[in-house]
Amino acid sequence: MLYRRLIESQDAVFWEDQIPGHRPVYLSPQMPRLLGYERQPFLEGRREWIDIVHPDDRAWVLRAFDEAHEGELEYRYLRPDGSVAWLREHAVVIRNEEGTPVRRIGLAFDVTALREADGERRAFRERVSELARLESVARMAATTAHDFTNILIGIDVFARSLEHESGLSERGRADIARIREAVRSGREVTDTLVALGQRRAET
């Protein structure tokens, strides 16, 4: 009696089924509270456990049942409202004197919240990793832009000095003007990259 009281106080469904057939002979009374299903239809054989397993998981779960799987299984199941949830079960196989499996005893509990929390943590880690990559790219862009700005300054200084050369043709002056315009355009681009790097460093 004490053992049963302990079992029925846990946030897990304790069960026992026969082999072969997988028909449950015991399901703990917290099943409706934890999984949303009444026990009697399963105990009376009016409903099969495999019926509530998600259609995409039924084949391999049924195969595990047929093979008297022992240990942990985790699979999706359908709640009474049709929503998808996750169930984790731990089973122990009882064998007769010949070593033939005759019963499975175990517990099952809903791990949907745990899996969702894991998914959120995984998404957070991926986001942090992505931000780190962006930070690295922004820092590299800012460094490159700074170096390139120094090159543009040198070109602009050289172009300015050429403007004062005597005997410079109109075509030469036009070429120098284009060079200086290209320098100005290049500095606008590098200023944007530098600003990007500074914003990334501040976030």
Protein backbone atom coordinates (compact mmCIF):
# COMPACT_ATOMS: atom_id res chain seq x y z
CA MET A 1 0.00 0.00 0.00
CA LEU A 2 2.84 2.39 0.87
CA TYR A 3 4.60 1.54 -2.38
CA ARG A 4 1.44 2.23 -4.40
CA ARG A 5 0.88 5.51 -2.57
CA LEU A 6 4.42 6.54 -3.46
CA ILE A 7 3.89 5.63 -7.11
CA GLU A 8 0.65 7.52 -7.35
CA SER A 9 2.12 10.70 -5.86
CA GLN A 10 4.68 11.16 -8.66
CA ASP A 11 4.37 13.37 -11.75
CA ALA A 12 4.76 10.33 -13.96
CA VAL A 13 2.46 7.60 -15.21
CA PHE A 14 3.44 4.16 -13.96
CA TRP A 15 2.33 1.29 -16.16
CA GLU A 16 2.59 -2.43 -16.64
CA ASP A 17 1.68 -4.29 -19.82
CA GLN A 18 1.66 -7.87 -21.04
CA ILE A 19 3.85 -9.34 -23.74
CA PRO A 20 2.82 -10.11 -26.39
CA GLY A 21 -0.03 -7.75 -27.14
CA HIS A 22 1.12 -4.65 -25.22
CA ARG A 23 -2.16 -4.54 -23.35
CA PRO A 24 -1.76 -2.58 -20.10
CA VAL A 25 -2.76 -4.32 -16.91
CA TYR A 26 -2.01 -1.28 -14.77
CA LEU A 27 -1.97 2.47 -15.38
CA SER A 28 -1.50 4.80 -12.43
CA PRO A 29 -4.41 7.15 -11.63
CA GLN A 30 -2.48 10.35 -12.38
CA MET A 31 -2.71 9.56 -16.12
CA PRO A 32 -5.73 11.85 -16.77
CA ARG A 33 -4.03 14.74 -14.98
CA LEU A 34 -0.66 14.32 -16.68
CA LEU A 35 -1.58 13.11 -20.16
CA GLY A 36 -5.26 14.03 -20.45
CA TYR A 37 -6.52 10.48 -21.12
CA GLU A 38 -8.75 8.30 -18.98
CA ARG A 39 -7.29 4.93 -18.05
CA GLN A 40 -10.25 2.61 -18.51
CA PRO A 41 -10.44 2.49 -22.33
CA PHE A 42 -6.81 1.30 -22.39
CA LEU A 43 -7.21 -1.16 -19.53
CA GLU A 44 -10.36 -2.62 -21.07
CA GLY A 45 -8.77 -2.99 -24.49
CA ARG A 46 -11.13 -0.51 -26.13
CA ARG A 47 -8.19 1.66 -27.04
CA GLU A 48 -4.58 0.89 -27.94
CA TRP A 49 -1.69 2.93 -26.62
CA ILE A 50 -0.18 3.13 -30.09
CA ASP A 51 -3.29 5.07 -31.19
CA ILE A 52 -2.18 8.17 -29.31
CA VAL A 53 1.40 8.04 -30.64
CA HIS A 54 2.06 10.62 -33.34
CA PRO A 55 1.51 9.06 -36.79
CA ASP A 56 5.08 9.84 -37.86
CA ASP A 57 6.47 7.94 -34.85
CA ARG A 58 4.08 5.00 -34.71
CA ALA A 59 6.06 2.59 -36.89
CA TRP A 60 9.31 2.72 -34.92
CA VAL A 61 7.55 2.93 -31.54
CA LEU A 62 5.45 -0.14 -32.36
CA ARG A 63 8.61 -1.93 -33.48
CA ALA A 64 10.22 -1.09 -30.13
CA PHE A 65 7.17 -2.47 -28.32
CA ASP A 66 7.24 -5.65 -30.42
CA GLU A 67 10.92 -6.12 -29.61
CA ALA A 68 10.24 -5.71 -25.88
CA HIS A 69 12.43 -2.62 -25.75
CA GLU A 70 14.08 -2.01 -22.41
CA GLY A 71 15.40 1.38 -21.38
CA GLU A 72 14.42 4.84 -22.53
CA LEU A 73 12.17 5.87 -25.40
CA GLU A 74 11.16 9.39 -26.33
CA TYR A 75 8.45 10.02 -28.88
CA ARG A 76 5.65 12.36 -29.80
CA TYR A 77 2.07 11.72 -28.82
CA LEU A 78 -1.22 13.44 -29.51
CA ARG A 79 -3.07 15.06 -26.64
CA PRO A 80 -6.87 14.75 -26.55
CA ASP A 81 -7.19 18.20 -28.15
CA GLY A 82 -4.99 17.09 -31.06
CA SER A 83 -1.92 19.09 -30.04
CA VAL A 84 1.48 17.43 -30.29
CA ALA A 85 3.47 16.72 -27.14
CA TRP A 86 6.52 14.69 -26.17
CA LEU A 87 6.55 11.61 -23.97
CA ARG A 88 9.57 9.96 -22.39
CA GLU A 89 9.27 6.46 -20.99
CA HIS A 90 11.62 4.16 -19.10
CA ALA A 91 10.88 0.45 -19.23
CA VAL A 92 12.12 -2.71 -17.58
CA VAL A 93 11.37 -6.09 -19.14
CA ILE A 94 10.32 -9.01 -16.92
CA ARG A 95 11.20 -12.45 -18.29
CA ASN A 96 10.08 -15.95 -17.35
CA GLU A 97 12.39 -18.83 -16.43
CA GLU A 98 13.07 -19.53 -20.11
CA GLY A 99 14.15 -15.93 -20.65
CA THR A 100 11.06 -15.00 -22.68
CA PRO A 101 9.74 -11.46 -22.13
CA VAL A 102 6.33 -11.60 -20.45
CA ARG A 103 5.83 -8.10 -19.05
CA ARG A 104 7.09 -4.56 -19.32
CA ILE A 105 7.00 -2.24 -16.33
CA GLY A 106 7.88 1.40 -16.48
CA LEU A 107 7.00 5.02 -16.16
CA ALA A 108 6.18 7.73 -18.65
CA PHE A 109 6.11 11.48 -18.30
CA ASP A 110 5.44 14.46 -20.51
CA VAL A 111 8.69 16.23 -21.42
CA THR A 112 7.21 18.82 -23.78
CA ALA A 113 8.15 21.76 -21.55
CA LEU A 114 11.69 20.43 -21.17
CA ARG A 115 12.12 20.07 -24.92
CA GLU A 116 10.71 23.55 -25.55
CA ALA A 117 13.11 24.99 -22.97
CA ASP A 118 15.97 23.13 -24.64
CA GLY A 119 14.86 24.54 -27.98
CA GLU A 120 14.79 28.06 -26.60
CA ARG A 121 18.26 27.64 -25.11
CA ARG A 122 19.52 26.25 -28.40
CA ALA A 123 18.00 29.18 -30.30
CA PHE A 124 19.58 31.60 -27.83
CA ARG A 125 23.00 30.00 -28.24
CA GLU A 126 22.66 30.14 -32.02
CA ARG A 127 21.67 33.81 -31.82
CA VAL A 128 24.67 34.59 -29.60
CA SER A 129 26.92 32.73 -32.03
CA GLU A 130 25.46 34.66 -34.96
CA LEU A 131 25.97 37.98 -33.15
CA ALA A 132 29.57 37.00 -32.47
CA ARG A 133 30.11 36.29 -36.17
CA LEU A 134 28.54 39.62 -37.10
CA GLU A 135 30.72 41.35 -34.52
CA SER A 136 33.82 39.76 -36.04
CA VAL A 137 32.81 40.78 -39.57
CA ALA A 138 32.02 44.34 -38.45
CA ARG A 139 35.34 44.62 -36.64
CA MET A 140 37.19 43.34 -39.69
CA ALA A 141 35.30 45.75 -41.93
CA ALA A 142 36.13 48.69 -39.66
CA THR A 143 39.82 47.75 -39.55
CA THR A 144 39.98 47.33 -43.31
CA ALA A 145 38.12 50.61 -43.82
CA HIS A 146 40.58 52.43 -41.55
CA ASP A 147 43.55 51.09 -43.49
CA PHE A 148 41.93 51.89 -46.81
CA THR A 149 41.14 55.43 -45.61
CA ASN A 150 44.85 56.00 -45.06
CA ILE A 151 45.52 54.87 -48.64
CA LEU A 152 42.82 57.21 -49.97
CA ILE A 153 44.30 60.11 -48.01
CA GLY A 154 47.68 59.44 -49.62
CA ILE A 155 46.10 59.37 -53.09
CA ASP A 156 44.23 62.61 -52.39
CA VAL A 157 47.38 64.37 -51.16
CA PHE A 158 49.26 63.23 -54.26
CA ALA A 159 46.41 64.42 -56.52
CA ARG A 160 46.35 67.82 -54.78
CA SER A 161 50.08 68.21 -55.36
CA LEU A 162 49.67 67.44 -59.05
CA GLU A 163 47.05 70.18 -59.37
CA HIS A 164 49.76 72.75 -58.72
CA GLU A 165 52.17 71.42 -61.34
CA SER A 166 52.94 74.02 -64.03
CA GLY A 167 52.04 73.23 -67.61
CA LEU A 168 49.28 70.78 -66.63
CA SER A 169 46.90 70.19 -69.54
CA GLU A 170 43.13 70.49 -69.31
CA ARG A 171 42.86 66.73 -69.77
CA GLY A 172 45.33 66.20 -66.92
CA ARG A 173 43.30 68.51 -64.65
CA ALA A 174 40.11 66.63 -65.57
CA ASP A 175 41.80 63.30 -64.74
CA ILE A 176 42.93 64.67 -61.37
CA ALA A 177 39.41 65.91 -60.65
CA ARG A 178 38.06 62.43 -61.37
CA ILE A 179 40.70 60.92 -59.11
CA ARG A 180 39.74 63.23 -56.25
CA GLU A 181 36.03 62.52 -56.82
CA ALA A 182 36.75 58.80 -56.66
CA VAL A 183 38.66 59.40 -53.42
CA ARG A 184 35.67 61.23 -51.94
CA SER A 185 33.33 58.40 -52.94
CA GLY A 186 35.71 55.85 -51.46
CA ARG A 187 35.90 57.76 -48.18
CA GLU A 188 32.10 57.80 -47.93
CA VAL A 189 32.13 54.02 -48.20
CA THR A 190 34.90 53.63 -45.63
CA ASP A 191 33.16 56.07 -43.25
CA THR A 192 30.05 53.88 -43.44
CA LEU A 193 32.09 50.76 -42.65
CA VAL A 194 33.81 52.47 -39.72
CA ALA A 195 30.45 53.62 -38.33
CA LEU A 196 29.11 50.08 -38.69
CA GLY A 197 32.03 48.70 -36.73
CA GLN A 198 31.54 51.30 -33.99
CA ARG A 199 27.82 50.52 -33.68
CA ARG A 200 28.52 46.79 -33.42
CA ALA A 201 31.12 47.46 -30.71
CA GLU A 202 28.59 49.53 -28.71
CA THR A 203 25.80 46.85 -28.80
